N, C-alpha and C. Protein backbone atom coordinates (compact mmCIF):
# COMPACT_ATOMS: atom_id res chain seq x y z
N MET A 1 76.31 69.46 24.02
CA MET A 1 75.38 69.50 22.39
C MET A 1 76.11 68.74 21.40
N PRO A 2 74.99 67.66 21.18
CA PRO A 2 75.67 66.92 20.12
C PRO A 2 75.49 67.46 18.73
N THR A 3 76.53 67.04 18.14
CA THR A 3 77.41 67.04 17.05
C THR A 3 76.23 66.63 15.57
N ARG A 4 76.16 67.28 14.77
CA ARG A 4 75.38 66.84 13.34
C ARG A 4 75.82 65.32 13.35
N ARG A 5 77.28 64.75 13.41
CA ARG A 5 77.33 63.39 13.59
C ARG A 5 76.59 62.62 14.14
N THR A 6 76.59 62.72 15.65
CA THR A 6 76.00 61.98 16.34
C THR A 6 74.22 62.19 15.93
N VAL A 7 73.85 63.52 15.60
CA VAL A 7 72.47 63.23 15.34
C VAL A 7 72.04 62.77 14.44
N ALA A 8 72.58 62.48 13.31
CA ALA A 8 72.42 61.48 12.19
C ALA A 8 72.71 60.23 12.21
N ALA A 9 73.48 59.94 13.33
CA ALA A 9 74.18 58.80 13.95
C ALA A 9 72.59 57.99 14.49
N VAL A 10 72.25 58.69 15.21
CA VAL A 10 71.04 58.48 16.23
C VAL A 10 69.87 57.89 15.31
N ALA A 11 69.74 59.23 14.75
CA ALA A 11 68.62 59.15 13.58
C ALA A 11 68.45 58.24 12.43
N PHE A 12 69.71 57.53 11.90
CA PHE A 12 70.28 56.67 11.33
C PHE A 12 69.68 54.96 11.94
N LEU A 13 70.16 54.92 13.34
CA LEU A 13 70.06 53.91 13.92
C LEU A 13 68.16 53.83 14.48
N ALA A 14 68.09 54.86 14.32
CA ALA A 14 66.30 54.66 14.99
C ALA A 14 65.57 54.36 13.86
N GLY A 15 65.70 54.59 12.80
CA GLY A 15 65.36 54.56 11.27
C GLY A 15 65.20 53.17 11.11
N THR A 16 66.75 52.63 11.26
CA THR A 16 66.85 51.23 11.07
C THR A 16 66.04 50.21 12.09
N ALA A 17 66.11 50.81 13.32
CA ALA A 17 65.29 49.77 13.99
C ALA A 17 63.79 50.01 13.90
N LEU A 18 63.28 51.01 13.45
CA LEU A 18 61.64 51.19 12.94
C LEU A 18 61.68 50.40 11.83
N ALA A 19 62.58 50.14 11.05
CA ALA A 19 62.11 49.52 9.65
C ALA A 19 62.73 48.28 10.19
N GLY A 20 63.05 47.72 10.98
CA GLY A 20 63.43 46.19 11.06
C GLY A 20 62.21 45.59 12.31
N GLY A 21 61.34 46.73 13.00
CA GLY A 21 60.19 46.26 13.82
C GLY A 21 59.30 46.54 12.55
N ALA A 22 58.94 47.08 12.04
CA ALA A 22 58.19 46.92 10.83
C ALA A 22 58.15 45.81 9.81
N ALA A 23 59.30 45.27 9.71
CA ALA A 23 59.52 44.05 8.84
C ALA A 23 59.21 42.92 9.63
N ALA A 24 59.24 42.73 11.16
CA ALA A 24 59.42 41.92 11.77
C ALA A 24 57.56 41.86 12.01
N VAL A 25 56.67 43.00 12.07
CA VAL A 25 55.30 42.97 12.34
C VAL A 25 54.75 42.34 11.03
N HIS A 26 55.20 43.02 9.78
CA HIS A 26 54.91 42.52 8.56
C HIS A 26 54.79 41.01 8.60
N TYR A 27 55.74 40.59 8.66
CA TYR A 27 56.17 39.15 8.85
C TYR A 27 55.20 38.08 9.84
N LEU A 28 55.02 38.57 10.87
CA LEU A 28 54.47 37.88 11.72
C LEU A 28 52.83 38.14 11.43
N ALA A 29 52.38 39.30 10.73
CA ALA A 29 51.02 39.40 10.84
C ALA A 29 50.35 38.83 9.38
N THR A 30 51.17 38.47 8.35
CA THR A 30 50.91 38.03 7.12
C THR A 30 50.82 36.33 7.15
N PRO A 31 49.76 36.06 7.04
CA PRO A 31 49.38 34.84 7.00
C PRO A 31 50.15 33.82 5.99
N ASP A 32 50.30 32.56 6.56
CA ASP A 32 51.01 31.71 5.63
C ASP A 32 50.35 31.10 4.61
N THR A 33 51.03 31.61 3.11
CA THR A 33 49.93 31.28 2.26
C THR A 33 50.15 29.89 1.45
N GLY A 34 51.63 29.39 1.88
CA GLY A 34 52.17 28.31 1.22
C GLY A 34 51.16 26.89 1.40
N VAL A 35 51.26 26.49 0.04
CA VAL A 35 50.28 25.04 0.22
C VAL A 35 50.98 23.86 -0.13
N THR A 36 50.85 22.79 0.92
CA THR A 36 50.99 21.47 0.91
C THR A 36 50.04 20.68 0.08
N VAL A 37 50.54 19.70 -0.88
CA VAL A 37 49.67 18.91 -1.60
C VAL A 37 50.17 17.73 -1.06
N ARG A 38 49.55 16.62 -0.66
CA ARG A 38 49.76 15.37 -0.48
C ARG A 38 48.64 14.61 -0.95
N SER A 39 48.79 14.27 -2.15
CA SER A 39 47.70 13.89 -3.26
C SER A 39 47.07 12.34 -2.71
N GLU A 40 47.93 11.62 -2.21
CA GLU A 40 47.31 10.14 -1.89
C GLU A 40 48.06 10.02 -0.19
N PRO A 41 47.35 8.73 0.08
CA PRO A 41 47.85 8.84 1.70
C PRO A 41 49.09 7.90 1.85
N LYS A 42 49.91 7.82 2.85
CA LYS A 42 51.31 7.29 3.39
C LYS A 42 50.87 5.57 2.67
N LYS A 43 51.76 5.18 2.43
CA LYS A 43 51.94 3.83 1.56
C LYS A 43 52.30 2.95 2.83
N SER A 44 51.73 1.61 3.33
CA SER A 44 52.45 1.12 4.12
C SER A 44 53.17 -0.05 3.77
N ARG A 45 53.81 -0.84 4.30
CA ARG A 45 54.88 -1.55 4.02
C ARG A 45 53.76 -2.80 2.98
N ALA A 46 52.89 -3.24 3.38
CA ALA A 46 52.26 -4.31 2.40
C ALA A 46 51.78 -3.35 1.24
N ASP A 47 51.35 -2.15 1.20
CA ASP A 47 51.06 -1.63 -0.11
C ASP A 47 52.40 -1.71 -1.14
N TYR A 48 53.63 -1.22 -0.53
CA TYR A 48 54.70 -1.30 -1.43
C TYR A 48 54.96 -2.86 -2.09
N THR A 49 54.93 -4.05 -1.05
CA THR A 49 54.81 -5.12 -1.32
C THR A 49 53.61 -5.57 -2.66
N ARG A 50 52.46 -5.19 -2.52
CA ARG A 50 52.00 -5.43 -3.24
C ARG A 50 52.13 -4.58 -4.94
N LEU A 51 52.62 -3.48 -4.73
CA LEU A 51 52.79 -2.95 -5.72
C LEU A 51 54.06 -3.18 -6.58
N TRP A 52 54.97 -3.98 -5.76
CA TRP A 52 56.35 -4.41 -6.20
C TRP A 52 55.74 -5.87 -7.12
N GLU A 53 55.28 -6.37 -6.31
CA GLU A 53 54.62 -7.74 -6.69
C GLU A 53 53.74 -7.65 -8.12
N ALA A 54 53.27 -6.68 -8.37
CA ALA A 54 51.89 -6.40 -9.25
C ALA A 54 52.94 -6.31 -10.84
N GLU A 55 54.07 -5.38 -10.18
CA GLU A 55 55.16 -5.23 -11.44
C GLU A 55 55.42 -5.81 -11.94
N LEU A 56 56.19 -7.10 -11.19
CA LEU A 56 56.93 -7.89 -11.29
C LEU A 56 56.13 -9.22 -12.43
N ALA A 57 54.68 -9.28 -11.96
CA ALA A 57 53.84 -10.53 -12.31
C ALA A 57 53.72 -9.83 -14.10
N LYS A 58 53.76 -8.48 -14.42
CA LYS A 58 53.20 -8.03 -15.63
C LYS A 58 54.45 -8.72 -16.60
N SER A 59 55.76 -9.01 -16.01
CA SER A 59 56.57 -9.66 -17.21
C SER A 59 57.18 -10.71 -16.34
N GLY A 60 55.87 -11.61 -15.62
CA GLY A 60 55.84 -13.21 -15.48
C GLY A 60 57.25 -13.62 -14.24
N ARG A 61 57.64 -12.59 -13.65
CA ARG A 61 58.54 -12.90 -12.21
C ARG A 61 57.81 -12.71 -11.12
N THR A 62 58.33 -12.88 -10.04
CA THR A 62 57.72 -13.20 -8.91
C THR A 62 58.61 -12.16 -7.68
N LEU A 63 57.94 -12.19 -6.34
CA LEU A 63 58.59 -11.83 -5.32
C LEU A 63 59.92 -12.53 -5.00
N PRO A 64 60.72 -12.19 -4.46
CA PRO A 64 62.21 -12.94 -3.96
C PRO A 64 61.59 -13.41 -2.47
N ALA A 65 62.10 -14.66 -2.42
CA ALA A 65 61.28 -15.69 -1.14
C ALA A 65 61.75 -14.83 -0.13
N GLU A 66 62.63 -14.11 0.19
CA GLU A 66 62.88 -12.95 1.72
C GLU A 66 61.87 -11.81 1.66
N ALA A 67 61.15 -11.30 0.77
CA ALA A 67 60.56 -10.36 0.53
C ALA A 67 59.70 -10.10 1.67
N ASP A 68 59.37 -11.41 2.35
CA ASP A 68 58.23 -11.11 3.89
C ASP A 68 58.92 -10.74 4.86
N ARG A 69 60.11 -11.08 4.91
CA ARG A 69 61.13 -10.45 5.89
C ARG A 69 62.20 -9.24 6.03
N MET A 70 61.74 -8.56 4.75
CA MET A 70 62.18 -7.25 4.41
C MET A 70 61.46 -5.98 5.20
N THR A 71 62.40 -4.88 5.45
CA THR A 71 61.69 -3.87 6.18
C THR A 71 61.58 -3.17 4.78
N THR A 72 60.29 -1.86 4.82
CA THR A 72 59.80 -1.05 3.91
C THR A 72 61.05 -0.70 3.07
N GLN A 73 61.91 0.10 3.66
CA GLN A 73 63.43 0.71 2.81
C GLN A 73 63.73 -0.57 2.26
N GLU A 74 64.05 -1.85 2.77
CA GLU A 74 64.66 -2.56 1.85
C GLU A 74 63.48 -2.86 0.55
N ILE A 75 62.53 -3.34 1.06
CA ILE A 75 61.55 -3.32 -0.20
C ILE A 75 61.86 -2.24 -1.18
N MET A 76 61.53 -1.25 -0.61
CA MET A 76 62.05 0.44 -2.18
C MET A 76 62.90 -0.03 -2.56
N ASP A 77 64.64 -0.35 -2.07
CA ASP A 77 65.37 -0.35 -2.51
C ASP A 77 65.76 -1.31 -3.60
N ALA A 78 65.05 -2.40 -3.28
CA ALA A 78 64.98 -3.62 -4.25
C ALA A 78 64.29 -3.44 -5.27
N TRP A 79 63.10 -2.76 -4.78
CA TRP A 79 62.33 -2.91 -6.02
C TRP A 79 62.89 -1.87 -7.13
N THR A 80 63.53 -0.48 -6.49
CA THR A 80 64.23 0.16 -7.46
C THR A 80 65.21 -0.49 -8.14
N SER A 81 66.24 -1.02 -7.36
CA SER A 81 67.39 -1.67 -8.27
C SER A 81 66.62 -2.78 -9.07
N GLU A 82 65.77 -3.64 -8.86
CA GLU A 82 65.12 -4.32 -10.02
C GLU A 82 64.67 -3.47 -11.32
N ARG A 83 64.01 -2.57 -11.03
CA ARG A 83 63.69 -1.57 -12.14
C ARG A 83 64.76 -1.14 -13.03
N ALA A 84 65.84 -0.73 -12.17
CA ALA A 84 67.05 -0.48 -13.00
C ALA A 84 67.47 -1.23 -14.06
N LYS A 85 67.35 -3.02 -13.38
CA LYS A 85 68.12 -3.81 -14.49
C LYS A 85 67.31 -3.73 -15.78
N TYR A 86 66.26 -3.24 -15.68
CA TYR A 86 65.11 -3.66 -17.05
C TYR A 86 64.99 -2.40 -17.42
N ALA A 87 65.80 -1.23 -16.94
CA ALA A 87 65.01 0.44 -17.58
C ALA A 87 65.84 0.48 -19.04
N GLU A 88 65.05 0.60 -19.58
CA GLU A 88 65.70 1.55 -21.34
C GLU A 88 65.63 3.00 -21.14
N PRO A 89 66.93 3.10 -21.65
CA PRO A 89 67.14 4.60 -22.05
C PRO A 89 66.59 5.22 -22.76
N SER A 90 66.05 6.77 -22.15
CA SER A 90 65.18 7.00 -22.80
C SER A 90 65.80 7.92 -23.70
């Protein structure tokens, strides 16, 4: 004959398993309502070069001579460091 403790433990474990199962079913059945916004298409290396060149032209400067051999990441890094040189604290 099972004791009260055994019955209580079995009931607790069964309730926990049932609640966990219900939570899993709810999670799987709920549609993903997250929204991902991508407002503009991914820019190419040429796009970044044009943008950097246009920004430099505003202040009478030009692209560095090695810009045509730079990777996209190098262009972005150089552009950022160039902007930092002339940035004014806010």
